[in-house]
Amino acid sequence: MQCKIFMADEKGKWIDTEGKVGYIQPTGQVLLLVGDRNRGVQCIFDDKWKAKLGTFRNSDSIKLAGKIVGYQVGILILQECELRD
């Protein structure tokens, strides 16, 4: 319950992050493993990114930006994600 309180001010903000690909689903969802403890970030991409996402494999390094929409079971959830150089 406290997570909702802490996340209230963060929802809708854009963040840049980077990590290693945990998996990429055909729907455009990517699990990004971040930091020493492999914390999870679920990134939801629009269809226009699917071809580029198909070039990544598990454990590849990736940089992205996304809009915070929530947090669930230890995973930060981002939407409208975009790849960064």
N, C-alpha and C. Protein backbone atom coordinates (compact mmCIF):
# COMPACT_ATOMS: atom_id res chain seq x y z
N MET A 1 0.82 -1.19 0.00
CA MET A 1 0.00 0.00 0.00
C MET A 1 0.86 1.26 0.00
N GLN A 2 1.97 1.25 0.71
CA GLN A 2 2.81 2.44 0.76
C GLN A 2 3.42 2.76 -0.59
N CYS A 3 3.61 1.75 -1.40
CA CYS A 3 4.19 1.97 -2.72
C CYS A 3 3.33 2.94 -3.52
N LYS A 4 2.02 2.81 -3.46
CA LYS A 4 1.13 3.72 -4.19
C LYS A 4 1.33 5.16 -3.74
N ILE A 5 1.55 5.35 -2.45
CA ILE A 5 1.77 6.69 -1.92
C ILE A 5 3.08 7.25 -2.45
N PHE A 6 4.15 6.45 -2.39
CA PHE A 6 5.46 6.91 -2.86
C PHE A 6 5.46 7.16 -4.37
N MET A 7 4.73 6.36 -5.13
CA MET A 7 4.73 6.47 -6.58
C MET A 7 3.83 7.58 -7.10
N ALA A 8 2.92 8.07 -6.29
CA ALA A 8 1.94 9.06 -6.75
C ALA A 8 2.59 10.27 -7.40
N ASP A 9 3.63 10.80 -6.83
CA ASP A 9 4.30 11.98 -7.37
C ASP A 9 5.18 11.66 -8.57
N GLU A 10 5.51 10.40 -8.79
CA GLU A 10 6.41 10.00 -9.87
C GLU A 10 5.68 9.62 -11.15
N LYS A 11 4.43 9.23 -11.04
CA LYS A 11 3.68 8.80 -12.23
C LYS A 11 3.62 9.92 -13.24
N GLY A 12 3.84 9.53 -14.49
CA GLY A 12 3.80 10.49 -15.58
C GLY A 12 5.14 11.14 -15.89
N LYS A 13 6.13 10.97 -15.01
CA LYS A 13 7.45 11.53 -15.26
C LYS A 13 8.23 10.62 -16.20
N TRP A 14 9.11 11.23 -17.01
CA TRP A 14 9.97 10.48 -17.91
C TRP A 14 11.32 10.25 -17.25
N ILE A 15 11.86 9.04 -17.44
CA ILE A 15 13.20 8.75 -16.92
C ILE A 15 14.03 8.07 -18.00
N ASP A 16 15.33 8.26 -17.91
CA ASP A 16 16.30 7.53 -18.73
C ASP A 16 16.86 6.42 -17.86
N THR A 17 17.06 5.25 -18.44
CA THR A 17 17.65 4.14 -17.71
C THR A 17 18.42 3.25 -18.68
N GLU A 18 19.21 2.38 -18.12
CA GLU A 18 19.94 1.43 -18.95
C GLU A 18 20.17 0.16 -18.14
N GLY A 19 20.38 -0.92 -18.85
CA GLY A 19 20.62 -2.20 -18.20
C GLY A 19 20.78 -3.29 -19.24
N LYS A 20 20.52 -4.50 -18.83
CA LYS A 20 20.63 -5.66 -19.72
C LYS A 20 19.24 -6.23 -19.99
N VAL A 21 19.04 -6.66 -21.23
CA VAL A 21 17.76 -7.23 -21.62
C VAL A 21 17.53 -8.54 -20.87
N GLY A 22 16.42 -8.65 -20.18
CA GLY A 22 16.02 -9.90 -19.53
C GLY A 22 15.22 -10.75 -20.50
N TYR A 23 14.28 -10.12 -21.20
CA TYR A 23 13.54 -10.76 -22.28
C TYR A 23 12.82 -9.69 -23.09
N ILE A 24 12.48 -10.05 -24.30
CA ILE A 24 11.68 -9.19 -25.17
C ILE A 24 10.51 -10.02 -25.68
N GLN A 25 9.29 -9.53 -25.44
CA GLN A 25 8.11 -10.22 -25.92
C GLN A 25 7.70 -9.67 -27.28
N PRO A 26 7.06 -10.47 -28.12
CA PRO A 26 6.61 -9.99 -29.44
C PRO A 26 5.65 -8.80 -29.35
N THR A 27 5.02 -8.60 -28.22
CA THR A 27 4.07 -7.50 -28.04
C THR A 27 4.78 -6.16 -27.84
N GLY A 28 6.10 -6.17 -27.72
CA GLY A 28 6.84 -4.94 -27.50
C GLY A 28 7.15 -4.66 -26.04
N GLN A 29 6.95 -5.65 -25.18
CA GLN A 29 7.31 -5.49 -23.78
C GLN A 29 8.71 -6.03 -23.56
N VAL A 30 9.50 -5.26 -22.83
CA VAL A 30 10.88 -5.64 -22.55
C VAL A 30 11.09 -5.63 -21.04
N LEU A 31 11.72 -6.67 -20.51
CA LEU A 31 12.14 -6.66 -19.13
C LEU A 31 13.60 -6.26 -19.13
N LEU A 32 13.90 -5.17 -18.47
CA LEU A 32 15.26 -4.65 -18.38
C LEU A 32 15.78 -4.94 -16.98
N LEU A 33 16.96 -5.54 -16.89
CA LEU A 33 17.59 -5.83 -15.61
C LEU A 33 18.62 -4.74 -15.34
N VAL A 34 18.43 -4.03 -14.22
CA VAL A 34 19.23 -2.84 -13.93
C VAL A 34 20.04 -3.03 -12.65
N GLY A 35 21.31 -2.67 -12.71
CA GLY A 35 22.15 -2.63 -11.52
C GLY A 35 22.66 -3.99 -11.07
N ASP A 36 23.42 -3.95 -9.98
CA ASP A 36 24.04 -5.16 -9.43
C ASP A 36 23.03 -6.20 -8.98
N ARG A 37 21.91 -5.73 -8.53
CA ARG A 37 20.88 -6.66 -8.00
C ARG A 37 19.85 -7.03 -9.05
N ASN A 38 20.10 -6.61 -10.30
CA ASN A 38 19.19 -6.93 -11.40
C ASN A 38 17.74 -6.56 -11.09
N ARG A 39 17.55 -5.33 -10.67
CA ARG A 39 16.19 -4.85 -10.43
C ARG A 39 15.46 -4.75 -11.76
N GLY A 40 14.19 -5.02 -11.74
CA GLY A 40 13.43 -5.08 -12.99
C GLY A 40 12.74 -3.78 -13.37
N VAL A 41 12.78 -3.50 -14.66
CA VAL A 41 12.02 -2.41 -15.25
C VAL A 41 11.30 -3.00 -16.44
N GLN A 42 9.97 -2.93 -16.44
CA GLN A 42 9.20 -3.41 -17.58
C GLN A 42 8.93 -2.21 -18.48
N CYS A 43 9.35 -2.32 -19.72
CA CYS A 43 9.23 -1.23 -20.68
C CYS A 43 8.26 -1.64 -21.77
N ILE A 44 7.27 -0.81 -22.00
CA ILE A 44 6.28 -1.10 -23.03
C ILE A 44 6.51 -0.14 -24.19
N PHE A 45 6.83 -0.70 -25.35
CA PHE A 45 7.15 0.07 -26.55
C PHE A 45 5.96 0.07 -27.50
N ASP A 46 5.84 1.14 -28.29
CA ASP A 46 4.84 1.19 -29.36
C ASP A 46 5.29 0.28 -30.50
N ASP A 47 4.37 -0.04 -31.39
CA ASP A 47 4.66 -0.93 -32.51
C ASP A 47 5.81 -0.46 -33.38
N LYS A 48 6.02 0.84 -33.49
CA LYS A 48 7.07 1.35 -34.38
C LYS A 48 8.47 0.91 -33.95
N TRP A 49 8.62 0.43 -32.72
CA TRP A 49 9.92 0.01 -32.21
C TRP A 49 10.18 -1.48 -32.37
N LYS A 50 9.19 -2.25 -32.79
CA LYS A 50 9.33 -3.72 -32.81
C LYS A 50 10.49 -4.21 -33.66
N ALA A 51 10.70 -3.62 -34.83
CA ALA A 51 11.79 -4.08 -35.71
C ALA A 51 13.14 -3.85 -35.03
N LYS A 52 13.33 -2.70 -34.43
CA LYS A 52 14.59 -2.39 -33.76
C LYS A 52 14.77 -3.29 -32.53
N LEU A 53 13.71 -3.53 -31.79
CA LEU A 53 13.79 -4.41 -30.61
C LEU A 53 14.20 -5.82 -31.01
N GLY A 54 13.82 -6.23 -32.21
CA GLY A 54 14.16 -7.56 -32.69
C GLY A 54 15.65 -7.78 -32.89
N THR A 55 16.43 -6.72 -32.87
CA THR A 55 17.88 -6.85 -33.03
C THR A 55 18.59 -7.15 -31.72
N PHE A 56 17.88 -7.02 -30.60
CA PHE A 56 18.48 -7.27 -29.28
C PHE A 56 18.26 -8.72 -28.85
N ARG A 57 19.17 -9.22 -28.06
CA ARG A 57 19.07 -10.56 -27.48
C ARG A 57 19.20 -10.45 -25.97
N ASN A 58 18.83 -11.52 -25.27
CA ASN A 58 18.98 -11.54 -23.81
C ASN A 58 20.41 -11.21 -23.43
N SER A 59 20.56 -10.41 -22.40
CA SER A 59 21.83 -9.96 -21.83
C SER A 59 22.50 -8.83 -22.61
N ASP A 60 21.94 -8.41 -23.76
CA ASP A 60 22.48 -7.25 -24.46
C ASP A 60 22.24 -6.00 -23.62
N SER A 61 23.18 -5.07 -23.68
CA SER A 61 23.00 -3.78 -23.01
C SER A 61 22.06 -2.92 -23.84
N ILE A 62 21.23 -2.15 -23.14
CA ILE A 62 20.24 -1.31 -23.82
C ILE A 62 20.02 -0.05 -23.00
N LYS A 63 19.82 1.06 -23.70
CA LYS A 63 19.49 2.34 -23.06
C LYS A 63 18.14 2.78 -23.56
N LEU A 64 17.31 3.31 -22.67
CA LEU A 64 15.98 3.73 -23.08
C LEU A 64 15.45 4.83 -22.18
N ALA A 65 14.36 5.41 -22.63
CA ALA A 65 13.61 6.39 -21.84
C ALA A 65 12.16 5.93 -21.85
N GLY A 66 11.45 6.22 -20.78
CA GLY A 66 10.05 5.85 -20.70
C GLY A 66 9.33 6.64 -19.64
N LYS A 67 8.00 6.62 -19.73
CA LYS A 67 7.14 7.33 -18.80
C LYS A 67 6.70 6.38 -17.68
N ILE A 68 6.92 6.78 -16.45
CA ILE A 68 6.55 5.97 -15.29
C ILE A 68 5.03 5.88 -15.19
N VAL A 69 4.52 4.64 -15.14
CA VAL A 69 3.08 4.44 -14.97
C VAL A 69 2.74 3.64 -13.73
N GLY A 70 3.73 2.99 -13.11
CA GLY A 70 3.43 2.23 -11.91
C GLY A 70 4.59 1.37 -11.45
N TYR A 71 4.29 0.60 -10.42
CA TYR A 71 5.27 -0.28 -9.81
C TYR A 71 4.51 -1.48 -9.29
N GLN A 72 4.98 -2.69 -9.63
CA GLN A 72 4.26 -3.88 -9.20
C GLN A 72 5.24 -5.02 -8.96
N VAL A 73 5.16 -5.62 -7.81
CA VAL A 73 5.95 -6.78 -7.44
C VAL A 73 7.44 -6.61 -7.79
N GLY A 74 8.01 -5.52 -7.35
CA GLY A 74 9.43 -5.29 -7.54
C GLY A 74 9.86 -4.83 -8.92
N ILE A 75 8.90 -4.46 -9.76
CA ILE A 75 9.21 -4.04 -11.12
C ILE A 75 8.61 -2.66 -11.39
N LEU A 76 9.46 -1.73 -11.82
CA LEU A 76 9.00 -0.41 -12.24
C LEU A 76 8.44 -0.55 -13.65
N ILE A 77 7.28 0.03 -13.90
CA ILE A 77 6.62 -0.11 -15.20
C ILE A 77 6.65 1.22 -15.94
N LEU A 78 7.19 1.17 -17.18
CA LEU A 78 7.28 2.34 -18.03
C LEU A 78 6.49 2.11 -19.31
N GLN A 79 5.85 3.16 -19.83
CA GLN A 79 5.16 3.09 -21.11
C GLN A 79 5.74 4.13 -22.05
N GLU A 80 5.34 4.06 -23.30
CA GLU A 80 5.79 4.97 -24.35
C GLU A 80 7.32 4.98 -24.43
N CYS A 81 7.93 3.83 -24.21
CA CYS A 81 9.38 3.72 -24.17
C CYS A 81 10.00 3.99 -25.54
N GLU A 82 11.20 4.52 -25.49
CA GLU A 82 11.98 4.84 -26.68
C GLU A 82 13.42 4.40 -26.45
N LEU A 83 14.04 3.86 -27.47
CA LEU A 83 15.46 3.50 -27.38
C LEU A 83 16.31 4.76 -27.44
N ARG A 84 17.42 4.74 -26.71
CA ARG A 84 18.39 5.85 -26.67
C ARG A 84 19.76 5.33 -27.10
N ASP A 85 20.59 6.22 -27.60
CA ASP A 85 21.95 5.86 -27.98
C ASP A 85 22.86 5.88 -26.78
